[in-house]
Amino acid sequence: MSMINKRKGKKNSDDIENILKNILKKYPKIKRKIKNIKDIYKKLYYAMVWEVTENQPLHLLENHKKRGWKKYHLDHIYPISKGYENEIPPDKIGNIKNLRFIYYKKNMKKGSNITNESRVALRRIKRLK
């Protein structure tokens, strides 16, 4: 799906609500990840990224068996929020080349900050077709 761009008026709110409903029906766990996002376009972007993310072969990533709330978190190396701000397609931000499992405290500390690893990941995902 193409980027959602409210400034260009590509999608009306009814269309967005329907797309969101379909994603959340298919992936109910995404709901809690996006529940506090007020902006409908941003909410859709996050849902689309998580839809792509959940379809990746996560079992191939190191530490995937340690995934858990107080264990290892799935980290988008280049943050979802920065992908939204920079209009990077959801399929690139959710791609396995931008994913890793890291210890939850490290992930919470990183938040949506751009790190050297994020810059490297951005170059990597920009090359994706």
C-alpha atoms as a PDB file:
ATOM      1  CA  MET A   1       0.000   0.000   0.000  1.00  0.00           C
ATOM      2  CA  SER A   2       1.271   3.484  -0.793  1.00  0.00           C
ATOM      3  CA  MET A   3       2.234   6.001   1.875  1.00  0.00           C
ATOM      4  CA  ILE A   4      -0.598   7.693   3.723  1.00  0.00           C
ATOM      5  CA  ASN A   5      -0.208  11.408   3.229  1.00  0.00           C
ATOM      6  CA  LYS A   6      -2.844  13.612   4.807  1.00  0.00           C
ATOM      7  CA  ARG A   7      -1.434  16.752   3.250  1.00  0.00           C
ATOM      8  CA  LYS A   8      -2.236  15.395  -0.186  1.00  0.00           C
ATOM      9  CA  GLY A   9      -5.639  14.063   0.927  1.00  0.00           C
ATOM     10  CA  LYS A  10      -5.079  10.566  -0.443  1.00  0.00           C
ATOM     11  CA  LYS A  11      -7.388   8.803   1.998  1.00  0.00           C
ATOM     12  CA  ASN A  12     -10.528   9.980   3.755  1.00  0.00           C
ATOM     13  CA  SER A  13     -11.189   9.067   7.384  1.00  0.00           C
ATOM     14  CA  ASP A  14     -13.812   6.419   6.525  1.00  0.00           C
ATOM     15  CA  ASP A  15     -11.327   4.617   4.273  1.00  0.00           C
ATOM     16  CA  ILE A  16      -8.691   4.805   6.985  1.00  0.00           C
ATOM     17  CA  GLU A  17     -11.053   3.484   9.651  1.00  0.00           C
ATOM     18  CA  ASN A  18     -11.938   0.531   7.403  1.00  0.00           C
ATOM     19  CA  ILE A  19      -8.302  -0.278   6.668  1.00  0.00           C
ATOM     20  CA  LEU A  20      -7.486  -0.029  10.383  1.00  0.00           C
ATOM     21  CA  LYS A  21     -10.422  -2.265  11.294  1.00  0.00           C
ATOM     22  CA  ASN A  22      -9.248  -4.925   8.838  1.00  0.00           C
ATOM     23  CA  ILE A  23      -5.673  -4.849  10.131  1.00  0.00           C
ATOM     24  CA  LEU A  24      -6.810  -5.029  13.771  1.00  0.00           C
ATOM     25  CA  LYS A  25      -9.204  -7.875  13.032  1.00  0.00           C
ATOM     26  CA  LYS A  26      -6.339  -9.835  11.513  1.00  0.00           C
ATOM     27  CA  TYR A  27      -3.769  -8.795  14.163  1.00  0.00           C
ATOM     28  CA  PRO A  28      -5.558  -7.955  17.439  1.00  0.00           C
ATOM     29  CA  LYS A  29      -2.257  -7.531  19.340  1.00  0.00           C
ATOM     30  CA  ILE A  30      -1.498  -4.428  17.287  1.00  0.00           C
ATOM     31  CA  LYS A  31      -4.401  -2.625  18.968  1.00  0.00           C
ATOM     32  CA  ARG A  32      -2.517  -2.088  22.221  1.00  0.00           C
ATOM     33  CA  LYS A  33       0.536  -0.798  20.351  1.00  0.00           C
ATOM     34  CA  ILE A  34      -1.464   1.994  18.694  1.00  0.00           C
ATOM     35  CA  LYS A  35      -4.236   2.725  21.206  1.00  0.00           C
ATOM     36  CA  ASN A  36      -2.729   6.021  22.457  1.00  0.00           C
ATOM     37  CA  ILE A  37      -2.072   7.504  19.017  1.00  0.00           C
ATOM     38  CA  LYS A  38      -4.601  10.252  18.326  1.00  0.00           C
ATOM     39  CA  ASP A  39      -3.671  11.193  14.747  1.00  0.00           C
ATOM     40  CA  ILE A  40      -5.579   8.784  12.477  1.00  0.00           C
ATOM     41  CA  TYR A  41      -2.911   8.888   9.744  1.00  0.00           C
ATOM     42  CA  LYS A  42      -0.139   8.133  12.210  1.00  0.00           C
ATOM     43  CA  LYS A  43      -2.236   5.375  13.771  1.00  0.00           C
ATOM     44  CA  LEU A  44      -2.742   3.772  10.354  1.00  0.00           C
ATOM     45  CA  TYR A  45       0.965   4.059   9.543  1.00  0.00           C
ATOM     46  CA  TYR A  46       1.924   2.331  12.815  1.00  0.00           C
ATOM     47  CA  ALA A  47      -0.667  -0.406  12.229  1.00  0.00           C
ATOM     48  CA  MET A  48       0.659  -0.967   8.712  1.00  0.00           C
ATOM     49  CA  VAL A  49       4.248  -1.175   9.984  1.00  0.00           C
ATOM     50  CA  TRP A  50       3.238  -3.705  12.648  1.00  0.00           C
ATOM     51  CA  GLU A  51       1.280  -5.708  10.092  1.00  0.00           C
ATOM     52  CA  VAL A  52       4.427  -5.974   7.950  1.00  0.00           C
ATOM     53  CA  THR A  53       6.541  -6.669  11.043  1.00  0.00           C
ATOM     54  CA  GLU A  54       4.338  -9.535  12.213  1.00  0.00           C
ATOM     55  CA  ASN A  55       4.605 -11.135   8.769  1.00  0.00           C
ATOM     56  CA  GLN A  56       8.394 -11.280   8.887  1.00  0.00           C
ATOM     57  CA  PRO A  57      10.222 -14.531   9.734  1.00  0.00           C
ATOM     58  CA  LEU A  58      10.999 -13.317  13.264  1.00  0.00           C
ATOM     59  CA  HIS A  59      12.215 -16.780  14.279  1.00  0.00           C
ATOM     60  CA  LEU A  60      15.355 -16.086  12.236  1.00  0.00           C
ATOM     61  CA  LEU A  61      16.380 -13.219  14.510  1.00  0.00           C
ATOM     62  CA  GLU A  62      18.800 -13.731  17.378  1.00  0.00           C
ATOM     63  CA  ASN A  63      17.112 -13.909  20.812  1.00  0.00           C
ATOM     64  CA  HIS A  64      13.646 -14.562  19.331  1.00  0.00           C
ATOM     65  CA  LYS A  65      13.044 -17.304  21.892  1.00  0.00           C
ATOM     66  CA  LYS A  66      13.647 -14.817  24.715  1.00  0.00           C
ATOM     67  CA  ARG A  67      10.858 -12.458  23.584  1.00  0.00           C
ATOM     68  CA  GLY A  68       8.702 -11.179  26.426  1.00  0.00           C
ATOM     69  CA  TRP A  69       7.571  -8.087  28.301  1.00  0.00           C
ATOM     70  CA  LYS A  70      10.421  -8.078  30.851  1.00  0.00           C
ATOM     71  CA  LYS A  71      12.824  -9.940  28.594  1.00  0.00           C
ATOM     72  CA  TYR A  72      13.641  -9.114  24.991  1.00  0.00           C
ATOM     73  CA  HIS A  73      11.631  -6.665  22.892  1.00  0.00           C
ATOM     74  CA  LEU A  74      11.311  -6.572  19.149  1.00  0.00           C
ATOM     75  CA  ASP A  75      13.079  -3.369  18.149  1.00  0.00           C
ATOM     76  CA  HIS A  76      12.639  -1.415  14.938  1.00  0.00           C
ATOM     77  CA  ILE A  77      16.243  -0.288  14.593  1.00  0.00           C
ATOM     78  CA  TYR A  78      15.186   2.759  12.580  1.00  0.00           C
ATOM     79  CA  PRO A  79      12.200   3.865  14.700  1.00  0.00           C
ATOM     80  CA  ILE A  80       8.623   3.739  13.439  1.00  0.00           C
ATOM     81  CA  SER A  81       8.080   7.356  14.508  1.00  0.00           C
ATOM     82  CA  LYS A  82      10.986   8.541  12.362  1.00  0.00           C
ATOM     83  CA  GLY A  83       9.731   6.434   9.463  1.00  0.00           C
ATOM     84  CA  TYR A  84       6.399   8.246   9.724  1.00  0.00           C
ATOM     85  CA  GLU A  85       8.041  11.672   9.974  1.00  0.00           C
ATOM     86  CA  ASN A  86      10.258  10.963   6.959  1.00  0.00           C
ATOM     87  CA  GLU A  87       7.512   9.233   4.926  1.00  0.00           C
ATOM     88  CA  ILE A  88       9.377   5.943   4.632  1.00  0.00           C
ATOM     89  CA  PRO A  89       6.974   3.231   3.423  1.00  0.00           C
ATOM     90  CA  PRO A  90       5.682   0.890   6.163  1.00  0.00           C
ATOM     91  CA  ASP A  91       6.961  -2.162   4.282  1.00  0.00           C
ATOM     92  CA  LYS A  92      10.519  -0.876   4.691  1.00  0.00           C
ATOM     93  CA  ILE A  93      10.249   0.058   8.382  1.00  0.00           C
ATOM     94  CA  GLY A  94       8.645  -3.318   9.192  1.00  0.00           C
ATOM     95  CA  ASN A  95      11.140  -5.304   7.103  1.00  0.00           C
ATOM     96  CA  ILE A  96      13.271  -7.894   8.874  1.00  0.00           C
ATOM     97  CA  LYS A  97      16.384  -5.930   7.897  1.00  0.00           C
ATOM     98  CA  ASN A  98      15.183  -3.232  10.310  1.00  0.00           C
ATOM     99  CA  LEU A  99      14.294  -5.611  13.147  1.00  0.00           C
ATOM    100  CA  ARG A 100      16.132  -7.173  16.060  1.00  0.00           C
ATOM    101  CA  PHE A 101      15.430  -8.459  19.546  1.00  0.00           C
ATOM    102  CA  ILE A 102      17.158  -6.459  22.270  1.00  0.00           C
ATOM    103  CA  TYR A 103      16.945  -6.494  26.040  1.00  0.00           C
ATOM    104  CA  TYR A 104      13.832  -4.601  27.123  1.00  0.00           C
ATOM    105  CA  LYS A 105      15.714  -2.004  29.213  1.00  0.00           C
ATOM    106  CA  LYS A 106      17.934  -1.148  26.257  1.00  0.00           C
ATOM    107  CA  ASN A 107      14.869  -0.823  24.027  1.00  0.00           C
ATOM    108  CA  MET A 108      13.046   1.406  26.524  1.00  0.00           C
ATOM    109  CA  LYS A 109      16.123   3.618  26.853  1.00  0.00           C
ATOM    110  CA  LYS A 110      16.564   3.856  23.080  1.00  0.00           C
ATOM    111  CA  GLY A 111      12.952   4.842  22.476  1.00  0.00           C
ATOM    112  CA  SER A 112      12.671   6.675  19.174  1.00  0.00           C
ATOM    113  CA  ASN A 113      16.188   8.101  19.274  1.00  0.00           C
ATOM    114  CA  ILE A 114      18.375   7.883  16.209  1.00  0.00           C
ATOM    115  CA  THR A 115      21.562   5.956  16.908  1.00  0.00           C
ATOM    116  CA  ASN A 116      24.495   5.002  14.696  1.00  0.00           C
ATOM    117  CA  GLU A 117      22.785   1.617  14.269  1.00  0.00           C
ATOM    118  CA  SER A 118      19.638   3.461  13.159  1.00  0.00           C
ATOM    119  CA  ARG A 119      21.589   5.374  10.517  1.00  0.00           C
ATOM    120  CA  VAL A 120      23.080   2.135   9.181  1.00  0.00           C
ATOM    121  CA  ALA A 121      19.630   0.501   9.184  1.00  0.00           C
ATOM    122  CA  LEU A 122      18.160   3.482   7.312  1.00  0.00           C
ATOM    123  CA  ARG A 123      20.741   3.114   4.533  1.00  0.00           C
ATOM    124  CA  ARG A 124      19.999  -0.630   4.417  1.00  0.00           C
ATOM    125  CA  ILE A 125      16.204  -0.263   4.227  1.00  0.00           C
ATOM    126  CA  LYS A 126      16.350   2.565   1.682  1.00  0.00           C
ATOM    127  CA  ARG A 127      17.990   0.087  -0.704  1.00  0.00           C
ATOM    128  CA  LEU A 128      15.056  -2.325  -0.396  1.00  0.00           C
ATOM    129  CA  LYS A 129      12.758  -2.572  -3.397  1.00  0.00           C
END
